Amino acid sequence: MQQRSVCRLKVPVPAVTWADSVVSAVSAVLAVLAILATLLATTAAQAHDTWFEPLAGPRGAAPRIVVLGTGNRFPVRETAVAPQYFAAQGCERAEAGKASLRTLDLLPDGTRLLAPPDAARCWVQLQPLEIEIDDDKVELYLDEIQAGPGLRSAWAAQRARGVRWSERYSKHARIDFGPGAARTVPMAMDLVWEHAGPDGHRFVVLRDGQPLAGQPLELQNADAAIGIWRHSDAQGRITLPALPPGRWLLRGTDLRASPDRPGAWDSRFVTLAFETGTVAAAPTR
């Protein structure tokens, strides 16, 4: 949403080789599509999310170089996020201790960051920005984030009064380097990978450290054009069956009327990037 073409910002702001892996690649894609279909996949959203991607380190080392970028849909990044827009950032080590992400360089489609080699999870919370959206595009936006009937009714009443859509939004991106990293991070909006096993996966969504019930969340896969939606339960949790190997992104947007700006809206975008099985990280650039 940061560079959404229908919005007006108020503030400035691998290669795939064919070789002899065609059969295995097709099998992997079919496996992903099959499980998505089983989970009642819906049409893909088009919101601009911000997410992390792990990059392969030198000589096949553990991927602790990450790139943070924004795109129309995972996994294709389109723009970078300059470090001056970071409100908070950091990593937690697998055993104990915290560390900071170090900026390496700014690419056209992302910012390369260096994490500690033993990092279990890293995160970035961005500075809030303000936007306005044309009336005829608001419904599209609400569809993209799976907004509920209450929000749609409130917007319909606002539009009838002739009040333009104005929104302050902030983004929260997290990456977990494997299961077992079920700890919260100091962001205003967080997604925690609580459990991974043969019986499936469990995640919890938090707002200001508290479970967020009824939050729409979409699971996207790097090799599939469709995603699956779930709503968090009373404890802020969603559960999913075992996932095939791949790169995944869990995303959601918490949208609500602004408590201090009548007729305006506040939103928090959140993403969690993670991998299952054995997946080759993207090469460093």
C-alpha atoms as a PDB file:
ATOM      1  CA  MET A   1       0.000   0.000   0.000  1.00  0.00           C
ATOM      2  CA  GLN A   2       2.973   2.296   0.406  1.00  0.00           C
ATOM      3  CA  GLN A   3       3.214   3.066  -3.310  1.00  0.00           C
ATOM      4  CA  ARG A   4      -0.425   2.289  -4.222  1.00  0.00           C
ATOM      5  CA  SER A   5      -1.314   3.948  -7.509  1.00  0.00           C
ATOM      6  CA  VAL A   6      -4.819   4.815  -6.342  1.00  0.00           C
ATOM      7  CA  CYS A   7      -3.532   6.610  -3.243  1.00  0.00           C
ATOM      8  CA  ARG A   8      -2.147  10.068  -2.745  1.00  0.00           C
ATOM      9  CA  LEU A   9       0.651  10.204  -0.207  1.00  0.00           C
ATOM     10  CA  LYS A  10       0.702  13.260   1.996  1.00  0.00           C
ATOM     11  CA  VAL A  11       4.355  12.743   2.861  1.00  0.00           C
ATOM     12  CA  PRO A  12       7.330  12.152   0.539  1.00  0.00           C
ATOM     13  CA  VAL A  13       8.491   9.132   0.888  1.00  0.00           C
ATOM     14  CA  PRO A  14      16.322 -16.068  -9.157  1.00  0.00           C
ATOM     15  CA  ALA A  15      16.635 -16.267 -12.044  1.00  0.00           C
ATOM     16  CA  VAL A  16      15.207 -19.777 -12.591  1.00  0.00           C
ATOM     17  CA  THR A  17      17.280 -22.273 -14.527  1.00  0.00           C
ATOM     18  CA  TRP A  18      15.538 -25.039 -16.465  1.00  0.00           C
ATOM     19  CA  ALA A  19      18.464 -27.485 -16.362  1.00  0.00           C
ATOM     20  CA  ASP A  20      17.113 -30.885 -15.382  1.00  0.00           C
ATOM     21  CA  SER A  21      14.842 -29.801 -12.516  1.00  0.00           C
ATOM     22  CA  VAL A  22      11.614 -29.265 -14.467  1.00  0.00           C
ATOM     23  CA  VAL A  23       9.854 -32.320 -13.081  1.00  0.00           C
ATOM     24  CA  SER A  24      10.661 -31.564  -9.460  1.00  0.00           C
ATOM     25  CA  ALA A  25       9.718 -27.907  -9.895  1.00  0.00           C
ATOM     26  CA  VAL A  26       6.350 -28.824 -11.393  1.00  0.00           C
ATOM     27  CA  SER A  27       5.730 -31.318  -8.603  1.00  0.00           C
ATOM     28  CA  ALA A  28       6.471 -28.683  -5.973  1.00  0.00           C
ATOM     29  CA  VAL A  29       4.100 -26.203  -7.581  1.00  0.00           C
ATOM     30  CA  LEU A  30       1.334 -28.804  -7.832  1.00  0.00           C
ATOM     31  CA  ALA A  31       1.781 -29.702  -4.174  1.00  0.00           C
ATOM     32  CA  VAL A  32       1.426 -26.072  -3.169  1.00  0.00           C
ATOM     33  CA  LEU A  33      -1.655 -25.582  -5.347  1.00  0.00           C
ATOM     34  CA  ALA A  34      -3.258 -28.730  -3.999  1.00  0.00           C
ATOM     35  CA  ILE A  35      -2.965 -27.696  -0.383  1.00  0.00           C
ATOM     36  CA  LEU A  36      -4.160 -24.183  -1.167  1.00  0.00           C
ATOM     37  CA  ALA A  37      -7.217 -25.594  -2.896  1.00  0.00           C
ATOM     38  CA  THR A  38      -7.889 -27.841   0.063  1.00  0.00           C
ATOM     39  CA  LEU A  39      -7.831 -24.790   2.304  1.00  0.00           C
ATOM     40  CA  LEU A  40     -10.446 -22.963   0.208  1.00  0.00           C
ATOM     41  CA  ALA A  41      -8.172 -20.463  -1.467  1.00  0.00           C
ATOM     42  CA  THR A  42      -9.618 -17.144  -2.537  1.00  0.00           C
ATOM     43  CA  THR A  43      -8.719 -14.588  -5.169  1.00  0.00           C
ATOM     44  CA  ALA A  44      -5.346 -12.942  -4.645  1.00  0.00           C
ATOM     45  CA  ALA A  45      -5.168  -9.575  -2.954  1.00  0.00           C
ATOM     46  CA  GLN A  46      -3.349  -6.644  -4.506  1.00  0.00           C
ATOM     47  CA  ALA A  47      -2.349  -4.555  -1.491  1.00  0.00           C
ATOM     48  CA  HIS A  48       1.208  -3.267  -1.271  1.00  0.00           C
ATOM     49  CA  ASP A  49       2.833  -5.189   1.572  1.00  0.00           C
ATOM     50  CA  THR A  50       6.353  -4.878   2.935  1.00  0.00           C
ATOM     51  CA  TRP A  51       8.250  -8.088   3.729  1.00  0.00           C
ATOM     52  CA  PHE A  52      11.618  -9.717   4.317  1.00  0.00           C
ATOM     53  CA  GLU A  53      13.354 -12.211   2.058  1.00  0.00           C
ATOM     54  CA  PRO A  54      16.418 -14.248   3.123  1.00  0.00           C
ATOM     55  CA  LEU A  55      19.402 -14.166   0.769  1.00  0.00           C
ATOM     56  CA  ALA A  56      22.043 -16.867   0.511  1.00  0.00           C
ATOM     57  CA  GLY A  57      25.268 -16.033   2.273  1.00  0.00           C
ATOM     58  CA  PRO A  58      28.744 -16.633   0.843  1.00  0.00           C
ATOM     59  CA  ARG A  59      29.647 -20.244  -0.002  1.00  0.00           C
ATOM     60  CA  GLY A  60      26.258 -21.563   0.988  1.00  0.00           C
ATOM     61  CA  ALA A  61      26.352 -20.174   4.512  1.00  0.00           C
ATOM     62  CA  ALA A  62      23.127 -19.794   6.502  1.00  0.00           C
ATOM     63  CA  PRO A  63      20.972 -17.034   4.993  1.00  0.00           C
ATOM     64  CA  ARG A  64      21.474 -14.208   7.410  1.00  0.00           C
ATOM     65  CA  ILE A  65      21.505 -11.470   4.792  1.00  0.00           C
ATOM     66  CA  VAL A  66      17.938 -10.303   4.286  1.00  0.00           C
ATOM     67  CA  VAL A  67      16.299  -7.836   1.947  1.00  0.00           C
ATOM     68  CA  LEU A  68      13.318  -5.688   2.936  1.00  0.00           C
ATOM     69  CA  GLY A  69      11.083  -4.457   0.138  1.00  0.00           C
ATOM     70  CA  THR A  70       7.547  -3.543  -0.876  1.00  0.00           C
ATOM     71  CA  GLY A  71       5.530  -5.100  -3.666  1.00  0.00           C
ATOM     72  CA  ASN A  72       2.090  -5.509  -5.134  1.00  0.00           C
ATOM     73  CA  ARG A  73       2.131  -9.187  -4.177  1.00  0.00           C
ATOM     74  CA  PHE A  74       4.627 -11.556  -2.574  1.00  0.00           C
ATOM     75  CA  PRO A  75       7.227 -12.580  -3.676  1.00  0.00           C
ATOM     76  CA  VAL A  76       7.840  -9.857  -6.303  1.00  0.00           C
ATOM     77  CA  ARG A  77       9.353  -6.770  -4.714  1.00  0.00           C
ATOM     78  CA  GLU A  78       8.990  -3.465  -6.530  1.00  0.00           C
ATOM     79  CA  THR A  79      10.436  -0.750  -4.285  1.00  0.00           C
ATOM     80  CA  ALA A  80      12.916  -0.400  -1.455  1.00  0.00           C
ATOM     81  CA  VAL A  81      12.224   0.977   2.010  1.00  0.00           C
ATOM     82  CA  ALA A  82      14.862   3.541   2.956  1.00  0.00           C
ATOM     83  CA  PRO A  83      16.315   3.066   6.469  1.00  0.00           C
ATOM     84  CA  GLN A  84      15.234   6.577   7.495  1.00  0.00           C
ATOM     85  CA  TYR A  85      11.677   5.243   7.564  1.00  0.00           C
ATOM     86  CA  PHE A  86      12.550   2.593  10.166  1.00  0.00           C
ATOM     87  CA  ALA A  87      10.850   3.448  13.455  1.00  0.00           C
ATOM     88  CA  ALA A  88      12.246   0.344  15.173  1.00  0.00           C
ATOM     89  CA  GLN A  89      14.261  -2.664  14.087  1.00  0.00           C
ATOM     90  CA  GLY A  90      16.258  -5.518  15.496  1.00  0.00           C
ATOM     91  CA  CYS A  91      16.942  -9.240  15.795  1.00  0.00           C
ATOM     92  CA  GLU A  92      16.905 -11.835  18.532  1.00  0.00           C
ATOM     93  CA  ARG A  93      19.545 -14.546  18.647  1.00  0.00           C
ATOM     94  CA  ALA A  94      18.661 -18.223  18.786  1.00  0.00           C
ATOM     95  CA  GLU A  95      20.018 -18.672  22.305  1.00  0.00           C
ATOM     96  CA  ALA A  96      19.769 -15.259  23.944  1.00  0.00           C
ATOM     97  CA  GLY A  97      20.528 -11.636  23.356  1.00  0.00           C
ATOM     98  CA  LYS A  98      19.408  -8.946  20.968  1.00  0.00           C
ATOM     99  CA  ALA A  99      21.145  -7.274  18.064  1.00  0.00           C
ATOM    100  CA  SER A 100      20.494  -4.684  15.382  1.00  0.00           C
ATOM    101  CA  LEU A 101      20.133  -5.077  11.648  1.00  0.00           C
ATOM    102  CA  ARG A 102      22.933  -3.369   9.739  1.00  0.00           C
ATOM    103  CA  THR A 103      22.167  -1.710   6.419  1.00  0.00           C
ATOM    104  CA  LEU A 104      24.375  -2.983   3.595  1.00  0.00           C
ATOM    105  CA  ASP A 105      22.978  -1.175   0.562  1.00  0.00           C
ATOM    106  CA  LEU A 106      19.832   0.100  -1.110  1.00  0.00           C
ATOM    107  CA  LEU A 107      18.708  -1.845  -4.197  1.00  0.00           C
ATOM    108  CA  PRO A 108      16.012  -0.705  -6.645  1.00  0.00           C
ATOM    109  CA  ASP A 109      13.606  -3.257  -5.183  1.00  0.00           C
ATOM    110  CA  GLY A 110      14.740  -3.576  -1.585  1.00  0.00           C
ATOM    111  CA  THR A 111      17.151  -2.746   1.205  1.00  0.00           C
ATOM    112  CA  ARG A 112      19.818  -5.348   1.976  1.00  0.00           C
ATOM    113  CA  LEU A 113      20.368  -5.831   5.700  1.00  0.00           C
ATOM    114  CA  LEU A 114      22.858  -7.918   7.657  1.00  0.00           C
ATOM    115  CA  ALA A 115      21.518  -9.943  10.568  1.00  0.00           C
ATOM    116  CA  PRO A 116      23.584 -11.847  13.169  1.00  0.00           C
ATOM    117  CA  PRO A 117      24.533 -15.330  11.871  1.00  0.00           C
ATOM    118  CA  ASP A 118      22.627 -16.938  14.761  1.00  0.00           C
ATOM    119  CA  ALA A 119      19.523 -14.761  14.495  1.00  0.00           C
ATOM    120  CA  ALA A 120      16.246 -16.577  15.177  1.00  0.00           C
ATOM    121  CA  ARG A 121      14.000 -13.690  14.111  1.00  0.00           C
ATOM    122  CA  CYS A 122      14.305 -10.112  12.851  1.00  0.00           C
ATOM    123  CA  TRP A 123      11.806  -7.299  12.450  1.00  0.00           C
ATOM    124  CA  VAL A 124      11.261  -3.738  11.261  1.00  0.00           C
ATOM    125  CA  GLN A 125       8.465  -1.343  12.159  1.00  0.00           C
ATOM    126  CA  LEU A 126       8.103   1.600   9.779  1.00  0.00           C
ATOM    127  CA  GLN A 127       7.179   5.195  10.480  1.00  0.00           C
ATOM    128  CA  PRO A 128       3.465   5.940  10.010  1.00  0.00           C
ATOM    129  CA  LEU A 129       2.425   7.674   6.793  1.00  0.00           C
ATOM    130  CA  GLU A 130      -0.816   9.283   5.676  1.00  0.00           C
ATOM    131  CA  ILE A 131      -2.730   8.696   2.454  1.00  0.00           C
ATOM    132  CA  GLU A 132      -5.972   9.610   0.751  1.00  0.00           C
ATOM    133  CA  ILE A 133      -7.862   7.207  -1.526  1.00  0.00           C
ATOM    134  CA  ASP A 134     -10.352   8.103  -4.246  1.00  0.00           C
ATOM    135  CA  ASP A 135     -13.916   7.100  -3.419  1.00  0.00           C
ATOM    136  CA  ASP A 136     -14.211   4.657  -6.319  1.00  0.00           C
ATOM    137  CA  LYS A 137     -11.093   2.770  -5.167  1.00  0.00           C
ATOM    138  CA  VAL A 138     -11.972   2.319  -1.500  1.00  0.00           C
ATOM    139  CA  GLU A 139     -14.120  -0.781  -2.073  1.00  0.00           C
ATOM    140  CA  LEU A 140     -11.204  -2.402  -3.911  1.00  0.00           C
ATOM    141  CA  TYR A 141      -8.954  -1.687  -0.950  1.00  0.00           C
ATOM    142  CA  LEU A 142     -11.516  -3.119   1.486  1.00  0.00           C
ATOM    143  CA  ASP A 143     -11.744  -6.245  -0.656  1.00  0.00           C
ATOM    144  CA  GLU A 144      -7.956  -6.591  -0.663  1.00  0.00           C
ATOM    145  CA  ILE A 145      -7.763  -6.679   3.127  1.00  0.00           C
ATOM    146  CA  GLN A 146     -10.990  -8.692   3.612  1.00  0.00           C
ATOM    147  CA  ALA A 147     -12.643  -5.898   5.601  1.00  0.00           C
ATOM    148  CA  GLY A 148     -15.778  -6.939   7.474  1.00  0.00           C
ATOM    149  CA  PRO A 149     -19.327  -5.614   7.093  1.00  0.00           C
ATOM    150  CA  GLY A 150     -18.946  -3.166   9.981  1.00  0.00           C
ATOM    151  CA  LEU A 151     -16.089  -1.335   8.293  1.00  0.00           C
ATOM    152  CA  ARG A 152     -17.915  -1.315   4.959  1.00  0.00           C
ATOM    153  CA  SER A 153     -21.047   0.145   6.530  1.00  0.00           C
ATOM    154  CA  ALA A 154     -19.023   2.845   8.272  1.00  0.00           C
ATOM    155  CA  TRP A 155     -17.389   3.770   4.970  1.00  0.00           C
ATOM    156  CA  ALA A 156     -20.739   3.839   3.157  1.00  0.00           C
ATOM    157  CA  ALA A 157     -22.077   6.298   5.740  1.00  0.00           C
ATOM    158  CA  GLN A 158     -18.924   8.409   5.509  1.00  0.00           C
ATOM    159  CA  ARG A 159     -19.110   8.523   1.732  1.00  0.00           C
ATOM    160  CA  ALA A 160     -22.769   9.533   1.878  1.00  0.00           C
ATOM    161  CA  ARG A 161     -21.691  12.529   3.979  1.00  0.00           C
ATOM    162  CA  GLY A 162     -19.168  13.477   1.297  1.00  0.00           C
ATOM    163  CA  VAL A 163     -16.134  12.827   3.510  1.00  0.00           C
ATOM    164  CA  ARG A 164     -13.069  11.633   1.595  1.00  0.00           C
ATOM    165  CA  TRP A 165     -11.100   8.560   2.747  1.00  0.00           C
ATOM    166  CA  SER A 166      -8.052   9.616   4.780  1.00  0.00           C
ATOM    167  CA  GLU A 167      -5.850   7.042   6.484  1.00  0.00           C
ATOM    168  CA  ARG A 168      -2.754   6.883   8.641  1.00  0.00           C
ATOM    169  CA  TYR A 169      -0.992   3.549   8.218  1.00  0.00           C
ATOM    170  CA  SER A 170       2.085   1.852   9.609  1.00  0.00           C
ATOM    171  CA  LYS A 171       3.837  -1.329   8.513  1.00  0.00           C
ATOM    172  CA  HIS A 172       5.370  -4.137  10.536  1.00  0.00           C
ATOM    173  CA  ALA A 173       7.540  -6.817   8.926  1.00  0.00           C
ATOM    174  CA  ARG A 174       9.038  -9.889  10.570  1.00  0.00           C
ATOM    175  CA  ILE A 175      11.056 -12.901   9.438  1.00  0.00           C
ATOM    176  CA  ASP A 176      11.561 -16.134  11.391  1.00  0.00           C
ATOM    177  CA  PHE A 177      14.536 -18.325  10.507  1.00  0.00           C
ATOM    178  CA  GLY A 178      12.793 -21.603  11.227  1.00  0.00           C
ATOM    179  CA  PRO A 179      10.188 -22.943  13.665  1.00  0.00           C
ATOM    180  CA  GLY A 180      10.741 -22.773  17.381  1.00  0.00           C
ATOM    181  CA  ALA A 181      11.070 -18.985  17.315  1.00  0.00           C
ATOM    182  CA  ALA A 182       7.721 -18.553  19.040  1.00  0.00           C
ATOM    183  CA  ARG A 183       8.448 -15.290  20.797  1.00  0.00           C
ATOM    184  CA  THR A 184       6.955 -11.861  20.403  1.00  0.00           C
ATOM    185  CA  VAL A 185       9.024  -8.941  19.135  1.00  0.00           C
ATOM    186  CA  PRO A 186       8.668  -5.285  20.189  1.00  0.00           C
ATOM    187  CA  MET A 187       6.349  -4.128  17.384  1.00  0.00           C
ATOM    188  CA  ALA A 188       2.882  -2.591  17.671  1.00  0.00           C
ATOM    189  CA  MET A 189       1.567  -5.385  15.422  1.00  0.00           C
ATOM    190  CA  ASP A 190       3.087  -8.852  15.430  1.00  0.00           C
ATOM    191  CA  LEU A 191       2.598 -12.331  13.968  1.00  0.00           C
ATOM    192  CA  VAL A 192       4.088 -15.178  15.976  1.00  0.00           C
ATOM    193  CA  TRP A 193       4.779 -18.656  14.569  1.00  0.00           C
ATOM    194  CA  GLU A 194       3.816 -20.630  17.668  1.00  0.00           C
ATOM    195  CA  HIS A 195       3.981 -24.222  16.445  1.00  0.00           C
ATOM    196  CA  ALA A 196       5.199 -26.243  13.470  1.00  0.00           C
ATOM    197  CA  GLY A 197       4.962 -30.022  13.162  1.00  0.00           C
ATOM    198  CA  PRO A 198       3.475 -32.970  11.269  1.00  0.00           C
ATOM    199  CA  ASP A 199       0.098 -31.953  12.677  1.00  0.00           C
ATOM    200  CA  GLY A 200       0.341 -28.488  11.112  1.00  0.00           C
ATOM    201  CA  HIS A 201       1.156 -24.903  12.034  1.00  0.00           C
ATOM    202  CA  ARG A 202      -0.247 -22.426  14.529  1.00  0.00           C
ATOM    203  CA  PHE A 203       0.137 -18.640  14.475  1.00  0.00           C
ATOM    204  CA  VAL A 204      -1.086 -15.836  16.725  1.00  0.00           C
ATOM    205  CA  VAL A 205      -1.659 -12.197  15.760  1.00  0.00           C
ATOM    206  CA  LEU A 206      -1.004  -9.512  18.374  1.00  0.00           C
ATOM    207  CA  ARG A 207      -1.849  -5.825  18.566  1.00  0.00           C
ATOM    208  CA  ASP A 208       0.019  -3.907  21.269  1.00  0.00           C
ATOM    209  CA  GLY A 209       1.026  -7.275  22.712  1.00  0.00           C
ATOM    210  CA  GLN A 210      -2.548  -8.547  23.058  1.00  0.00           C
ATOM    211  CA  PRO A 211      -4.245 -11.269  20.967  1.00  0.00           C
ATOM    212  CA  LEU A 212      -6.355  -9.804  18.164  1.00  0.00           C
ATOM    213  CA  ALA A 213      -9.573 -11.763  17.590  1.00  0.00           C
ATOM    214  CA  GLY A 214     -11.370 -11.862  14.250  1.00  0.00           C
ATOM    215  CA  GLN A 215      -8.399 -10.551  12.263  1.00  0.00           C
ATOM    216  CA  PRO A 216      -8.357 -11.612   8.577  1.00  0.00           C
ATOM    217  CA  LEU A 217      -4.989 -13.156   7.665  1.00  0.00           C
ATOM    218  CA  GLU A 218      -3.851 -14.392   4.258  1.00  0.00           C
ATOM    219  CA  LEU A 219      -1.215 -17.061   3.676  1.00  0.00           C
ATOM    220  CA  GLN A 220       0.686 -16.621   0.407  1.00  0.00           C
ATOM    221  CA  ASN A 221       3.248 -18.888  -1.251  1.00  0.00           C
ATOM    222  CA  ALA A 222       6.119 -17.773  -3.480  1.00  0.00           C
ATOM    223  CA  ASP A 223       5.149 -20.311  -6.167  1.00  0.00           C
ATOM    224  CA  ALA A 224       1.375 -19.823  -6.240  1.00  0.00           C
ATOM    225  CA  ALA A 225      -0.788 -16.977  -7.499  1.00  0.00           C
ATOM    226  CA  ILE A 226      -3.572 -17.567  -4.996  1.00  0.00           C
ATOM    227  CA  GLY A 227      -3.666 -17.337  -1.226  1.00  0.00           C
ATOM    228  CA  ILE A 228      -5.834 -18.626   1.598  1.00  0.00           C
ATOM    229  CA  TRP A 229      -7.690 -16.529   4.143  1.00  0.00           C
ATOM    230  CA  ARG A 230      -8.374 -17.346   7.769  1.00  0.00           C
ATOM    231  CA  HIS A 231      -9.824 -15.287  10.631  1.00  0.00           C
ATOM    232  CA  SER A 232      -8.130 -15.436  14.016  1.00  0.00           C
ATOM    233  CA  ASP A 233     -10.085 -17.009  16.867  1.00  0.00           C
ATOM    234  CA  ALA A 234     -10.846 -15.486  20.272  1.00  0.00           C
ATOM    235  CA  GLN A 235      -7.210 -16.052  21.305  1.00  0.00           C
ATOM    236  CA  GLY A 236      -5.862 -14.412  18.134  1.00  0.00           C
ATOM    237  CA  ARG A 237      -4.807 -17.772  16.658  1.00  0.00           C
ATOM    238  CA  ILE A 238      -5.147 -19.492  13.310  1.00  0.00           C
ATOM    239  CA  THR A 239      -4.184 -23.085  12.553  1.00  0.00           C
ATOM    240  CA  LEU A 240      -3.099 -24.569   9.230  1.00  0.00           C
ATOM    241  CA  PRO A 241      -2.263 -28.135   8.180  1.00  0.00           C
ATOM    242  CA  ALA A 242       1.280 -29.223   7.338  1.00  0.00           C
ATOM    243  CA  LEU A 243       2.676 -27.142   4.478  1.00  0.00           C
ATOM    244  CA  PRO A 244       4.901 -28.369   1.638  1.00  0.00           C
ATOM    245  CA  PRO A 245       8.460 -27.009   1.382  1.00  0.00           C
ATOM    246  CA  GLY A 246       8.512 -23.428   0.205  1.00  0.00           C
ATOM    247  CA  ARG A 247       8.674 -19.755   0.988  1.00  0.00           C
ATOM    248  CA  TRP A 248       5.584 -18.378   2.695  1.00  0.00           C
ATOM    249  CA  LEU A 249       4.186 -15.023   3.773  1.00  0.00           C
ATOM    250  CA  LEU A 250       1.438 -14.513   6.328  1.00  0.00           C
ATOM    251  CA  ARG A 251      -0.100 -11.053   6.013  1.00  0.00           C
ATOM    252  CA  GLY A 252      -2.902  -8.980   7.477  1.00  0.00           C
ATOM    253  CA  THR A 253      -4.170  -5.418   7.892  1.00  0.00           C
ATOM    254  CA  ASP A 254      -5.925  -4.194  11.021  1.00  0.00           C
ATOM    255  CA  LEU A 255      -8.130  -1.269   9.932  1.00  0.00           C
ATOM    256  CA  ARG A 256     -10.262   0.794  12.284  1.00  0.00           C
ATOM    257  CA  ALA A 257     -11.747   4.266  12.664  1.00  0.00           C
ATOM    258  CA  SER A 258      -9.255   6.760  14.070  1.00  0.00           C
ATOM    259  CA  PRO A 259      -9.888   7.473  17.768  1.00  0.00           C
ATOM    260  CA  ASP A 260      -8.541  11.033  17.556  1.00  0.00           C
ATOM    261  CA  ARG A 261      -9.277  12.161  13.973  1.00  0.00           C
ATOM    262  CA  PRO A 262     -13.006  12.158  13.191  1.00  0.00           C
ATOM    263  CA  GLY A 263     -13.758  10.833   9.712  1.00  0.00           C
ATOM    264  CA  ALA A 264     -10.266   9.338   9.352  1.00  0.00           C
ATOM    265  CA  TRP A 265      -8.894   5.806   9.581  1.00  0.00           C
ATOM    266  CA  ASP A 266      -5.906   4.090  11.164  1.00  0.00           C
ATOM    267  CA  SER A 267      -4.368   0.850   9.908  1.00  0.00           C
ATOM    268  CA  ARG A 268      -1.514  -1.458  10.779  1.00  0.00           C
ATOM    269  CA  PHE A 269      -0.065  -3.784   8.146  1.00  0.00           C
ATOM    270  CA  VAL A 270       1.845  -6.859   9.318  1.00  0.00           C
ATOM    271  CA  THR A 271       3.764  -9.618   7.529  1.00  0.00           C
ATOM    272  CA  LEU A 272       5.599 -12.730   8.687  1.00  0.00           C
ATOM    273  CA  ALA A 273       8.037 -14.353   6.246  1.00  0.00           C
ATOM    274  CA  PHE A 274       9.072 -17.954   6.873  1.00  0.00           C
ATOM    275  CA  GLU A 275      10.181 -21.111   5.087  1.00  0.00           C
ATOM    276  CA  THR A 276       9.208 -24.755   5.390  1.00  0.00           C
ATOM    277  CA  GLY A 277      11.299 -27.738   4.373  1.00  0.00           C
ATOM    278  CA  THR A 278      14.539 -27.317   2.456  1.00  0.00           C
ATOM    279  CA  VAL A 279      14.386 -24.211   0.305  1.00  0.00           C
ATOM    280  CA  ALA A 280      17.269 -22.583  -1.527  1.00  0.00           C
ATOM    281  CA  ALA A 281      17.565 -18.929  -0.539  1.00  0.00           C
ATOM    282  CA  ALA A 282      17.810 -16.313  -3.237  1.00  0.00           C
ATOM    283  CA  PRO A 283      21.405 -15.523  -4.266  1.00  0.00           C
ATOM    284  CA  THR A 284      23.086 -12.454  -2.860  1.00  0.00           C
ATOM    285  CA  ARG A 285      23.476  -9.500  -5.167  1.00  0.00           C
END
